[in-house]
Amino acid sequence: MSMITATAWVPRGFAAPFPTKYNFDEEEFQRIAELAKLQLDDANEELEEARNGNSKGDVEEAMEEDDGSDEEAPAKASKSKGDADDDLKEYDLDHYDDDVEADKANEGMGMGMFGNVKSLAYHDSNADDPYITMKENEEDDEDREELQILATDNMLLAAKVEDEVAHLEIYVYEDEADNLYVHHDIMLPAIPLCVEWLDLPVGKSSVEKDSRANFVAVGTFDPDIEIWDLDTVDCMYPNAILGQGGQSEGGTEEKKKKKKRKKSKKANDDYHVDAVLSLAANRQHRNLLASSSADKTVKLWDLNTTKCAKSYTHHTDKVCSLAWHPKESTILLSGSYDRTVVAADMRAPDSKAPRWGVESDVETVKWDPHDPNFFYVSTENGVIHYHDLRNAPTNPASSKPVWILQAHDESISSFDINPIIPGFMATGSTDKQVKLWNIQSSGPTMVVARDLDVGKVFSTVFAPDEEVGFRLAVAGSKGIAMVWDTSTNPGVRRAFAGRVGLAEGEVKERLVGVENDSSDESEDEGEAEVETGDGNNGGEGWESMDED
């Protein structure tokens, strides 16, 4: 099994030109030991409890077996001893010490190819060893060159599961060279569900506090959120853990409370107790990270302290998606399986927040980056809702979107709004289709539909930089990540030529993958399946809600 569950871009210029190699020194060992101590203590206590719980039953069972069987016991013992003696004969343990004495007598004499280790030559420096032809400086220079990331490169993060092994793959995308390759990867403790890039150093870091950095937060089926430094290669342990796994052990009473809460899986104000489904970094208040979980809560984390600052219970079911308002930095949009969307002010947790209702489970929520008075909601039924924040309903059931769009026949597992090009939307679905949309004042129009051969589409994300504004990262159930330069598609060029500067004339369509062979096949297959909208209804049904 191989699949990519989520992707995220790193803007240009944030990655270190030469990432550093992980250094496992005494200080790092102590840090890991401290972070892991709580989990180890809990595991040992549970093991001890299990042993104590079973010991009484084991004794009673043994007594029952011994009852009335005294005559048979010696025979059994004798038989067992005989069997054991037969098994051990081949090892000739009676003369074991003789071999040791012989070894001592022959000390200093050769014993074949690896006879006497002490006779091997030792050199203070590898440069003095005639058998080492590759010198250290040459190796370091080669490694350094291989790891180099240019200022014109983008990083693309892909949360991946492959043969039941979970990890985060860090790709480098070279736009001009049409190249996408794996730079390094990070092992994860469980199936990853969401990733969020951070520009702030968290936990142990060589970067100064509050300075610009290149980190990532990862949410998995485990309730803890792991934070990693993307500029360090071959890390063994995260820089920080948000959740119970990252809390230092308190007193006995506090530990008992933590243990009790952990066992009961009851939601609390300090950490999540179920899978983390969504993460959202606040770009204006950089130390704040919001998370949502299957435990029905939304939590606000202070990355400076790695503690939960506040917990919210706006929903009655799993909270699957979060988005911070682009301008009003304290407003957080959340979508849930309870079929509602809430826009809450995080400064007033007890106030009644406006709530909108939709027809099925919410999949993703996003603000319109070009007009923050509006937001989008995608649902399990393949529908996109476009709402005006200023028209909050008194009852979620009476919600009235500006327009609704039946974009796919199956669940819209991912969609994105282009941050550079106004009105440019991409949707991905479990029907394996990626569709591009032109959103105008009259409503949305489909521009093109493609099957990019990534399987069920789980992630569609536009690149964040103006130079690569048309690049769309697509990934799904086949474990393949693709970067599609949508500006090379004829339908996109016709739809957006008047809005952005695109050179006239036909160009070859660009689709870049990690494996060139797969990419070429995908491109050929995809081109045969291109559909372009006719400029009227785009081949899909949308309905304006402005008129009664």
Protein backbone atom coordinates (compact mmCIF):
# COMPACT_ATOMS: atom_id res chain seq x y z
CA MET A 1 0.00 0.00 0.00
CA SER A 2 1.30 3.43 -0.89
CA MET A 3 -0.52 6.73 -0.68
CA ILE A 4 0.07 10.43 -0.09
CA THR A 5 -2.51 11.86 2.30
CA ALA A 6 -1.49 15.55 2.37
CA THR A 7 0.96 18.01 0.80
CA ALA A 8 2.22 21.50 1.59
CA TRP A 9 4.53 23.96 -0.17
CA VAL A 10 7.46 25.82 1.37
CA PRO A 11 7.83 29.32 -0.17
CA ARG A 12 11.07 30.14 -1.92
CA GLY A 13 13.94 31.49 0.14
CA PHE A 14 13.03 29.83 3.46
CA ALA A 15 14.98 26.58 3.06
CA ALA A 16 18.63 26.70 4.11
CA PRO A 17 20.96 26.61 1.07
CA PHE A 18 22.93 23.81 2.74
CA PRO A 19 20.86 21.77 5.26
CA THR A 20 22.85 20.44 8.21
CA LYS A 21 23.36 16.81 9.18
CA TYR A 22 21.76 15.61 12.40
CA ASN A 23 24.16 15.47 15.35
CA PHE A 24 23.36 12.88 18.00
CA ASP A 25 25.45 14.13 20.91
CA GLU A 26 25.04 13.83 24.69
CA GLU A 27 22.81 16.91 24.85
CA GLU A 28 20.51 15.49 22.17
CA PHE A 29 20.39 12.16 23.97
CA GLN A 30 19.28 13.88 27.18
CA ARG A 31 16.62 15.84 25.30
CA ILE A 32 15.18 12.71 23.69
CA ALA A 33 15.26 10.86 26.99
CA GLU A 34 13.33 13.65 28.68
CA LEU A 35 10.70 13.88 25.93
CA ALA A 36 10.22 10.12 25.80
CA LYS A 37 10.25 9.56 29.58
CA LEU A 38 6.51 9.97 30.07
CA GLN A 39 5.62 7.45 27.35
CA LEU A 40 8.18 4.96 28.67
CA ASP A 41 6.99 5.30 32.26
CA ASP A 42 3.37 4.84 31.19
CA ALA A 43 4.27 1.77 29.13
CA ASN A 44 6.22 0.24 32.04
CA GLU A 45 3.38 0.89 34.46
CA GLU A 46 0.83 -0.67 32.12
CA LEU A 47 3.09 -3.68 31.66
CA GLU A 48 3.49 -4.03 35.44
CA GLU A 49 -0.26 -3.77 35.94
CA ALA A 50 -0.83 -6.43 33.31
CA ARG A 51 1.65 -8.74 35.02
CA ASN A 52 0.12 -8.18 38.45
CA GLY A 53 -3.35 -8.70 37.07
CA ASN A 54 -2.38 -12.04 35.53
CA SER A 55 -0.16 -13.36 38.35
CA LYS A 56 -3.03 -14.47 40.60
CA GLY A 57 -4.74 -16.32 37.78
CA ASP A 58 -1.46 -17.99 36.79
CA VAL A 59 -0.90 -19.27 40.36
CA GLU A 60 -4.44 -20.66 40.63
CA GLU A 61 -4.09 -22.34 37.24
CA ALA A 62 -0.80 -23.93 38.27
CA MET A 63 -2.33 -25.22 41.54
CA GLU A 64 -5.19 -26.80 39.65
CA GLU A 65 -2.77 -28.55 37.28
CA ASP A 66 -0.66 -29.87 40.20
CA ASP A 67 -3.69 -31.20 42.11
CA GLY A 68 -3.67 -35.02 42.01
CA SER A 69 -0.73 -35.25 39.63
CA ASP A 70 2.17 -35.76 42.09
CA GLU A 71 2.94 -39.28 40.85
CA GLU A 72 3.30 -38.15 37.27
CA ALA A 73 5.55 -35.19 38.11
CA PRO A 74 8.87 -37.08 38.55
CA ALA A 75 8.33 -38.93 35.29
CA LYS A 76 7.61 -35.68 33.48
CA ALA A 77 10.66 -34.04 35.01
CA SER A 78 12.89 -36.99 34.07
CA LYS A 79 11.59 -37.01 30.53
CA SER A 80 12.10 -33.26 30.16
CA LYS A 81 15.67 -33.55 31.48
CA GLY A 82 16.45 -36.35 29.03
CA ASP A 83 15.09 -34.35 26.10
CA ALA A 84 17.11 -31.32 27.14
CA ASP A 85 20.31 -33.41 27.41
CA ASP A 86 19.80 -34.76 23.90
CA ASP A 87 19.30 -31.25 22.51
CA LEU A 88 22.47 -29.91 24.15
CA LYS A 89 24.78 -32.82 23.20
CA GLU A 90 25.67 -31.31 19.84
CA TYR A 91 27.12 -28.21 21.55
CA ASP A 92 29.54 -30.24 23.74
CA LEU A 93 29.26 -27.79 26.60
CA ASP A 94 31.26 -30.08 28.92
CA HIS A 95 34.44 -29.09 27.03
CA TYR A 96 33.53 -25.44 26.53
CA ASP A 97 36.28 -24.21 28.88
CA ASP A 98 38.86 -26.23 26.97
CA ASP A 99 38.26 -24.06 23.89
CA VAL A 100 38.71 -20.91 25.92
CA GLU A 101 42.05 -22.13 27.30
CA ALA A 102 43.18 -23.03 23.78
CA ASP A 103 42.33 -19.54 22.59
CA LYS A 104 44.43 -18.03 25.38
CA ALA A 105 47.35 -20.28 24.49
CA ASN A 106 47.19 -19.21 20.86
CA GLU A 107 46.89 -15.50 21.68
CA GLY A 108 48.99 -13.47 19.27
CA MET A 109 48.92 -16.16 16.55
CA GLY A 110 47.05 -15.60 13.27
CA MET A 111 43.68 -17.23 12.69
CA GLY A 112 43.00 -16.88 9.00
CA MET A 113 41.83 -13.69 7.34
CA PHE A 114 40.72 -11.94 10.56
CA GLY A 115 43.17 -13.71 12.85
CA ASN A 116 44.45 -11.08 15.26
CA VAL A 117 42.58 -7.80 15.34
CA LYS A 118 45.36 -6.21 17.41
CA SER A 119 47.76 -6.59 14.50
CA LEU A 120 45.63 -4.35 12.24
CA ALA A 121 47.19 -0.98 11.42
CA TYR A 122 45.54 2.09 12.95
CA HIS A 123 45.90 5.55 11.40
CA ASP A 124 45.19 8.78 13.24
CA SER A 125 43.75 10.25 10.06
CA ASN A 126 41.99 8.66 7.09
CA ALA A 127 44.36 10.66 4.90
CA ASP A 128 47.22 8.41 6.12
CA ASP A 129 45.38 5.19 5.33
CA PRO A 130 46.45 3.91 1.88
CA TYR A 131 43.27 1.83 1.53
CA ILE A 132 40.95 4.85 1.74
CA THR A 133 41.07 6.47 -1.67
CA MET A 134 38.11 8.86 -1.13
CA LYS A 135 39.30 11.55 1.24
CA GLU A 136 37.03 13.18 3.87
CA ASN A 137 37.01 16.62 2.27
CA GLU A 138 35.92 15.14 -1.07
CA GLU A 139 33.08 13.24 0.64
CA ASP A 140 31.93 16.32 2.56
CA ASP A 141 31.98 18.46 -0.59
CA GLU A 142 29.95 15.89 -2.53
CA ASP A 143 27.38 15.49 0.27
CA ARG A 144 27.13 19.25 0.62
CA GLU A 145 26.55 19.71 -3.11
CA GLU A 146 23.87 17.00 -3.21
CA LEU A 147 21.95 18.65 -0.36
CA GLN A 148 22.15 22.18 -1.78
CA ILE A 149 18.85 24.03 -2.29
CA LEU A 150 18.83 27.09 -4.52
CA ALA A 151 16.91 30.30 -3.86
CA THR A 152 14.84 29.54 -6.99
CA ASP A 153 13.82 26.08 -5.69
CA ASN A 154 10.64 25.23 -3.83
CA MET A 155 10.24 22.53 -1.22
CA LEU A 156 7.16 20.34 -1.43
CA LEU A 157 6.19 18.30 1.64
CA ALA A 158 4.31 15.03 1.16
CA ALA A 159 2.83 12.97 4.01
CA LYS A 160 3.17 9.40 2.80
CA VAL A 161 2.36 5.83 3.81
CA GLU A 162 4.31 3.11 2.03
CA ASP A 163 4.16 -0.58 2.96
CA GLU A 164 2.70 0.36 6.35
CA VAL A 165 5.63 2.72 7.03
CA ALA A 166 4.66 6.35 7.62
CA HIS A 167 7.02 9.16 6.72
CA LEU A 168 7.21 12.73 5.45
CA GLU A 169 8.97 13.08 2.12
CA ILE A 170 10.64 16.41 1.44
CA TYR A 171 10.83 17.10 -2.30
CA VAL A 172 12.75 19.83 -4.06
CA TYR A 173 11.01 21.32 -7.10
CA GLU A 174 13.27 22.91 -9.71
CA ASP A 175 10.87 24.77 -11.95
CA GLU A 176 13.22 25.78 -14.74
CA ALA A 177 14.73 22.29 -14.96
CA ASP A 178 11.33 20.51 -14.81
CA ASN A 179 12.67 18.41 -11.95
CA LEU A 180 11.05 17.06 -8.78
CA TYR A 181 13.10 14.82 -6.50
CA VAL A 182 13.17 13.54 -2.91
CA HIS A 183 15.70 15.55 -0.91
CA HIS A 184 15.30 13.67 2.39
CA ASP A 185 12.56 12.14 4.51
CA ILE A 186 11.37 11.99 8.12
CA MET A 187 10.00 8.87 9.81
CA LEU A 188 6.62 9.31 11.50
CA PRO A 189 4.97 7.32 14.32
CA ALA A 190 1.58 6.80 12.62
CA ILE A 191 -0.34 7.44 9.41
CA PRO A 192 -0.07 11.20 8.70
CA LEU A 193 -3.29 13.13 8.11
CA CYS A 194 -2.20 16.77 7.81
CA VAL A 195 0.94 18.91 7.48
CA GLU A 196 1.46 22.63 8.08
CA TRP A 197 4.59 24.57 7.25
CA LEU A 198 5.92 26.88 10.00
CA ASP A 199 8.26 29.86 9.62
CA LEU A 200 9.13 29.92 13.34
CA PRO A 201 11.75 27.83 15.19
CA VAL A 202 10.15 25.51 17.75
CA GLY A 203 11.76 23.46 20.51
CA LYS A 204 15.43 22.62 20.15
CA SER A 205 16.88 24.71 17.33
CA SER A 206 20.08 26.48 16.35
CA VAL A 207 17.92 29.31 14.98
CA GLU A 208 17.28 32.23 17.30
CA LYS A 209 13.80 32.59 18.79
CA ASP A 210 11.32 34.60 16.64
CA SER A 211 13.70 34.61 13.65
CA ARG A 212 12.76 33.19 10.26
CA ALA A 213 12.94 29.40 10.09
CA ASN A 214 11.82 26.36 8.10
CA PHE A 215 9.83 23.91 10.25
CA VAL A 216 6.82 21.63 9.78
CA ALA A 217 4.01 20.44 12.06
CA VAL A 218 2.57 16.97 11.36
CA GLY A 219 -0.73 15.56 12.59
CA THR A 220 -1.30 11.79 12.54
CA PHE A 221 -3.65 9.13 13.85
CA ASP A 222 -1.78 9.58 17.13
CA PRO A 223 -3.06 12.49 19.26
CA ASP A 224 0.36 14.16 19.50
CA ILE A 225 1.55 16.78 17.00
CA GLU A 226 5.20 16.45 15.98
CA ILE A 227 7.29 19.44 14.91
CA TRP A 228 10.42 18.95 12.81
CA ASP A 229 13.22 21.15 11.47
CA LEU A 230 13.21 20.83 7.67
CA ASP A 231 16.76 22.17 7.42
CA THR A 232 18.23 19.23 9.36
CA VAL A 233 18.74 15.93 7.55
CA ASP A 234 18.44 12.44 9.12
CA CYS A 235 16.70 13.60 12.32
CA MET A 236 15.92 10.81 14.78
CA TYR A 237 13.40 12.63 16.97
CA PRO A 238 11.17 15.72 16.54
CA ASN A 239 12.28 19.13 17.78
CA ALA A 240 9.09 19.36 19.84
CA ILE A 241 5.88 17.44 20.55
CA LEU A 242 2.57 19.19 21.17
CA GLY A 243 0.41 16.99 23.35
CA GLN A 244 0.71 14.52 26.18
CA GLY A 245 3.86 13.00 24.69
CA GLY A 246 5.65 16.33 24.99
CA GLN A 247 4.66 17.11 28.58
CA SER A 248 7.26 16.66 31.28
CA GLU A 249 6.27 14.41 34.15
CA GLY A 250 4.76 16.14 37.16
CA GLY A 251 4.08 14.88 40.65
CA THR A 252 2.46 11.60 41.51
CA GLU A 253 -1.08 12.97 41.68
CA GLU A 254 -0.69 14.86 38.38
CA LYS A 255 0.71 11.74 36.75
CA LYS A 256 -2.25 9.67 37.94
CA LYS A 257 -4.65 12.23 36.52
CA LYS A 258 -2.85 12.20 33.16
CA LYS A 259 -2.86 8.42 33.13
CA LYS A 260 -6.55 8.27 33.95
CA ARG A 261 -7.42 10.77 31.23
CA LYS A 262 -5.28 8.91 28.71
CA LYS A 263 -7.04 5.62 29.42
CA SER A 264 -10.52 7.14 29.32
CA LYS A 265 -9.83 8.97 26.02
CA LYS A 266 -11.91 11.82 27.38
CA ALA A 267 -11.38 15.22 25.78
CA ASN A 268 -9.58 17.75 27.98
CA ASP A 269 -8.11 21.25 27.87
CA ASP A 270 -4.43 20.26 27.72
CA TYR A 271 -3.97 17.96 24.72
CA HIS A 272 -5.81 15.94 22.07
CA VAL A 273 -6.85 12.37 22.84
CA ASP A 274 -7.65 11.27 19.27
CA ALA A 275 -6.37 11.68 15.71
CA VAL A 276 -5.28 15.18 14.62
CA LEU A 277 -7.20 16.01 11.42
CA SER A 278 -6.16 19.58 10.61
CA LEU A 279 -3.48 22.18 11.42
CA ALA A 280 -3.47 25.92 10.73
CA ALA A 281 -0.55 28.28 11.45
CA ASN A 282 -1.39 31.91 12.19
CA ARG A 283 0.79 33.94 9.79
CA GLN A 284 0.36 37.20 11.73
CA HIS A 285 0.78 35.81 15.26
CA ARG A 286 3.53 33.39 14.30
CA ASN A 287 3.69 31.62 17.66
CA LEU A 288 0.08 30.40 17.37
CA LEU A 289 -0.88 27.06 15.81
CA ALA A 290 -4.47 25.80 15.74
CA SER A 291 -5.29 22.09 15.59
CA SER A 292 -8.50 20.12 15.28
CA SER A 293 -9.16 16.52 16.13
CA ALA A 294 -11.47 13.56 16.01
CA ASP A 295 -11.98 14.23 19.75
CA LYS A 296 -14.32 17.09 18.61
CA THR A 297 -12.11 19.87 19.99
CA VAL A 298 -10.08 22.72 18.51
CA LYS A 299 -6.90 23.62 20.35
CA LEU A 300 -4.69 26.70 20.22
CA TRP A 301 -0.98 26.07 20.88
CA ASP A 302 1.69 28.55 21.90
CA LEU A 303 4.75 27.42 19.96
CA ASN A 304 7.07 29.37 22.26
CA THR A 305 6.10 27.21 25.22
CA THR A 306 4.76 24.16 23.25
CA LYS A 307 1.74 24.20 25.59
CA CYS A 308 -1.98 24.31 24.80
CA ALA A 309 -3.12 27.90 25.43
CA LYS A 310 -6.84 27.27 24.96
CA SER A 311 -9.27 24.51 24.01
CA TYR A 312 -12.60 25.04 22.20
CA THR A 313 -15.68 22.86 21.77
CA HIS A 314 -17.71 24.54 19.03
CA HIS A 315 -18.67 21.24 17.38
CA THR A 316 -20.41 18.01 18.30
CA ASP A 317 -18.49 15.73 15.93
CA LYS A 318 -15.00 15.36 14.41
CA VAL A 319 -13.47 18.72 13.43
CA CYS A 320 -11.79 18.11 10.08
CA SER A 321 -10.65 21.49 8.73
CA LEU A 322 -9.35 24.87 9.97
CA ALA A 323 -8.46 28.20 8.35
CA TRP A 324 -7.34 31.53 9.86
CA HIS A 325 -8.89 34.71 8.46
CA PRO A 326 -6.35 36.46 6.16
CA LYS A 327 -6.97 39.93 7.70
CA GLU A 328 -8.76 39.48 11.04
CA SER A 329 -6.04 37.35 12.59
CA THR A 330 -8.09 36.15 15.59
CA ILE A 331 -10.97 34.69 13.55
CA LEU A 332 -10.72 30.94 12.97
CA LEU A 333 -12.96 29.06 10.53
CA SER A 334 -13.67 25.43 11.44
CA GLY A 335 -15.60 22.71 9.63
CA SER A 336 -16.95 19.51 11.16
CA TYR A 337 -18.66 16.21 10.49
CA ASP A 338 -21.61 17.68 12.38
CA ARG A 339 -22.30 19.45 9.04
CA THR A 340 -21.66 22.94 10.30
CA VAL A 341 -19.00 25.62 9.80
CA VAL A 342 -18.14 28.05 12.60
CA ALA A 343 -16.29 31.38 12.38
CA ALA A 344 -15.15 31.99 15.97
CA ASP A 345 -13.12 34.78 17.55
CA MET A 346 -10.42 33.01 19.55
CA ARG A 347 -10.30 35.93 22.00
CA ALA A 348 -13.89 35.28 23.09
CA PRO A 349 -14.23 31.52 23.49
CA ASP A 350 -17.48 31.72 25.45
CA SER A 351 -19.34 34.01 23.05
CA LYS A 352 -21.78 32.55 20.56
CA ALA A 353 -20.03 32.22 17.21
CA PRO A 354 -21.83 32.45 13.84
CA ARG A 355 -22.58 29.05 12.34
CA TRP A 356 -23.49 27.87 8.84
CA GLY A 357 -25.01 24.53 7.85
CA VAL A 358 -24.32 22.34 4.80
CA GLU A 359 -25.98 19.28 3.31
CA SER A 360 -23.34 16.67 4.29
CA ASP A 361 -20.08 16.20 6.21
CA VAL A 362 -17.63 19.05 5.75
CA GLU A 363 -14.32 18.13 4.10
CA THR A 364 -12.41 21.43 3.78
CA VAL A 365 -12.93 25.12 4.58
CA LYS A 366 -10.96 28.03 3.05
CA TRP A 367 -11.15 31.80 3.02
CA ASP A 368 -11.17 33.66 -0.29
CA PRO A 369 -7.64 35.17 -0.32
CA HIS A 370 -8.76 37.93 -2.73
CA ASP A 371 -11.87 38.95 -0.75
CA PRO A 372 -11.80 37.80 2.91
CA ASN A 373 -15.49 38.61 3.35
CA PHE A 374 -16.18 35.27 1.67
CA PHE A 375 -15.25 31.67 2.35
CA TYR A 376 -15.55 28.27 0.64
CA VAL A 377 -16.75 24.94 2.03
CA SER A 378 -16.37 21.55 0.31
CA THR A 379 -18.45 18.54 1.34
CA GLU A 380 -18.56 14.78 1.14
CA ASN A 381 -21.33 15.00 -1.47
CA GLY A 382 -19.00 16.74 -3.96
CA VAL A 383 -20.50 20.21 -3.43
CA ILE A 384 -18.73 23.57 -3.04
CA HIS A 385 -20.51 26.28 -1.03
CA TYR A 386 -19.52 29.96 -1.30
CA HIS A 387 -20.66 32.03 1.71
CA ASP A 388 -20.61 35.70 2.70
CA LEU A 389 -19.26 36.07 6.24
CA ARG A 390 -21.44 39.14 6.76
CA ASN A 391 -24.64 37.16 6.16
CA ALA A 392 -24.52 34.84 9.14
CA PRO A 393 -27.78 32.90 9.59
CA THR A 394 -29.74 32.86 12.84
CA ASN A 395 -30.13 29.10 12.36
CA PRO A 396 -27.56 26.87 10.55
CA ALA A 397 -30.41 25.10 8.74
CA SER A 398 -31.38 28.40 7.06
CA SER A 399 -27.89 29.08 5.68
CA LYS A 400 -27.97 30.73 2.27
CA PRO A 401 -24.75 30.59 0.23
CA VAL A 402 -23.97 33.08 -2.54
CA TRP A 403 -23.72 30.09 -4.86
CA ILE A 404 -23.34 26.32 -4.69
CA LEU A 405 -21.51 24.10 -7.16
CA GLN A 406 -21.90 20.36 -7.74
CA ALA A 407 -18.23 20.03 -8.66
CA HIS A 408 -17.87 16.22 -8.43
CA ASP A 409 -20.13 13.20 -8.08
CA GLU A 410 -18.02 11.91 -5.19
CA SER A 411 -16.39 13.51 -2.14
CA ILE A 412 -14.24 16.61 -2.69
CA SER A 413 -11.26 15.43 -0.68
CA SER A 414 -9.19 18.53 -1.49
CA PHE A 415 -9.53 21.94 -3.08
CA ASP A 416 -7.51 25.14 -3.20
CA ILE A 417 -7.90 28.78 -4.22
CA ASN A 418 -4.95 30.23 -6.11
CA PRO A 419 -3.34 32.92 -3.89
CA ILE A 420 -1.84 34.77 -6.89
CA ILE A 421 -4.50 34.56 -9.63
CA PRO A 422 -7.99 35.76 -8.59
CA GLY A 423 -10.88 33.41 -9.30
CA PHE A 424 -8.72 30.35 -10.02
CA MET A 425 -9.85 27.24 -8.11
CA ALA A 426 -8.74 23.61 -8.21
CA THR A 427 -10.76 20.68 -6.86
CA GLY A 428 -9.71 17.06 -6.34
CA SER A 429 -11.99 14.14 -5.63
CA THR A 430 -12.10 10.46 -4.81
CA ASP A 431 -13.46 10.07 -8.36
CA LYS A 432 -9.75 10.50 -9.40
CA GLN A 433 -10.47 13.74 -11.23
CA VAL A 434 -8.74 17.10 -10.84
CA LYS A 435 -10.83 20.03 -12.10
CA LEU A 436 -9.84 23.64 -12.62
CA TRP A 437 -12.44 26.40 -12.31
CA ASN A 438 -12.79 30.02 -13.36
CA ILE A 439 -14.84 31.90 -10.74
CA GLN A 440 -16.42 35.12 -11.99
CA SER A 441 -19.17 37.39 -10.67
CA SER A 442 -21.69 35.33 -12.65
CA GLY A 443 -20.54 32.12 -10.96
CA PRO A 444 -18.00 29.28 -11.44
CA THR A 445 -17.14 27.81 -14.85
CA MET A 446 -15.19 24.60 -15.36
CA VAL A 447 -12.05 25.14 -17.41
CA VAL A 448 -10.53 21.65 -17.58
CA ALA A 449 -10.87 18.19 -16.02
CA ARG A 450 -7.99 15.74 -15.83
CA ASP A 451 -7.16 12.30 -14.52
CA LEU A 452 -3.47 12.67 -13.60
CA ASP A 453 -3.10 8.98 -12.71
CA VAL A 454 -2.42 9.62 -9.01
CA GLY A 455 -5.40 7.49 -7.97
CA LYS A 456 -8.02 8.97 -5.68
CA VAL A 457 -7.02 12.60 -5.27
CA PHE A 458 -6.24 13.52 -1.65
CA SER A 459 -4.37 16.79 -2.12
CA THR A 460 -4.44 19.74 -4.55
CA VAL A 461 -2.33 22.73 -3.50
CA PHE A 462 -1.22 25.78 -5.51
CA ALA A 463 2.38 27.01 -5.15
CA PRO A 464 2.67 30.13 -2.94
CA ASP A 465 5.13 32.19 -5.01
CA GLU A 466 4.25 34.55 -7.86
CA GLU A 467 6.97 33.09 -10.11
CA VAL A 468 5.29 29.67 -9.93
CA GLY A 469 1.73 30.81 -9.29
CA PHE A 470 0.21 28.45 -11.87
CA ARG A 471 1.93 25.33 -10.42
CA LEU A 472 -0.45 22.88 -8.77
CA ALA A 473 0.78 19.98 -6.60
CA VAL A 474 -1.47 16.93 -6.88
CA ALA A 475 -1.18 13.65 -4.94
CA GLY A 476 -3.34 10.70 -4.03
CA SER A 477 -3.89 7.03 -3.30
CA LYS A 478 -1.14 5.75 -5.63
CA GLY A 479 1.57 7.44 -3.56
CA ILE A 480 2.62 9.67 -6.47
CA ALA A 481 3.13 13.44 -6.27
CA MET A 482 2.86 15.55 -9.44
CA VAL A 483 3.44 19.24 -10.13
CA TRP A 484 1.25 20.49 -12.96
CA ASP A 485 2.11 23.78 -14.65
CA THR A 486 -1.49 24.69 -15.39
CA SER A 487 -0.43 27.75 -17.43
CA THR A 488 0.61 25.35 -20.20
CA ASN A 489 -2.94 24.00 -20.53
CA PRO A 490 -4.85 25.52 -23.51
CA GLY A 491 -8.09 25.90 -21.55
CA VAL A 492 -6.37 27.71 -18.67
CA ARG A 493 -4.53 30.01 -21.08
CA ARG A 494 -7.80 31.01 -22.72
CA ALA A 495 -9.58 31.54 -19.41
CA PHE A 496 -6.92 33.60 -17.60
CA ALA A 497 -4.91 35.29 -20.36
CA GLY A 498 -6.76 38.56 -19.79
CA ARG A 499 -6.21 38.44 -16.01
CA VAL A 500 -2.49 37.69 -15.91
CA GLY A 501 0.32 38.03 -18.40
CA LEU A 502 0.52 34.81 -20.42
CA ALA A 503 2.50 34.60 -23.66
CA GLU A 504 0.37 33.97 -26.72
CA GLY A 505 0.57 30.80 -28.77
CA GLU A 506 0.49 27.07 -28.03
CA VAL A 507 2.99 25.57 -25.57
CA LYS A 508 3.74 22.00 -24.57
CA GLU A 509 1.90 20.99 -21.43
CA ARG A 510 4.15 20.45 -18.38
CA LEU A 511 3.56 17.78 -15.77
CA VAL A 512 6.48 16.85 -13.51
CA GLY A 513 6.68 13.83 -11.22
CA VAL A 514 9.35 12.12 -9.12
CA GLU A 515 9.55 9.21 -11.54
CA ASN A 516 9.96 10.40 -15.11
CA ASP A 517 8.43 7.28 -16.60
CA SER A 518 5.29 7.61 -14.51
CA SER A 519 5.09 11.30 -15.27
CA ASP A 520 5.31 10.76 -19.01
CA GLU A 521 2.61 8.12 -18.95
CA SER A 522 0.40 10.29 -16.79
CA GLU A 523 0.84 13.25 -19.11
CA ASP A 524 -0.06 11.26 -22.20
CA GLU A 525 -3.10 9.72 -20.55
CA GLY A 526 -4.18 13.02 -19.05
CA GLU A 527 -4.01 14.94 -22.31
CA ALA A 528 -6.39 12.48 -23.89
CA GLU A 529 -8.90 13.18 -21.14
CA VAL A 530 -8.86 16.97 -21.25
CA GLU A 531 -12.26 18.57 -21.16
CA THR A 532 -12.71 22.32 -21.50
CA GLY A 533 -15.68 24.31 -20.40
CA ASP A 534 -17.82 26.05 -23.01
CA GLY A 535 -17.89 29.30 -21.02
CA ASN A 536 -21.54 28.84 -20.02
CA ASN A 537 -21.98 26.20 -17.37
CA GLY A 538 -18.59 24.48 -17.51
CA GLY A 539 -20.15 21.03 -17.75
CA GLU A 540 -21.24 21.11 -14.09
CA GLY A 541 -24.27 22.46 -12.26
CA TRP A 542 -23.97 25.54 -10.09
CA GLU A 543 -26.77 27.56 -8.64
CA SER A 544 -26.78 31.23 -7.64
CA MET A 545 -28.47 31.89 -4.32
CA ASP A 546 -28.77 35.65 -4.80
CA GLU A 547 -32.26 35.34 -6.22
CA ASP A 548 -35.21 33.97 -4.35
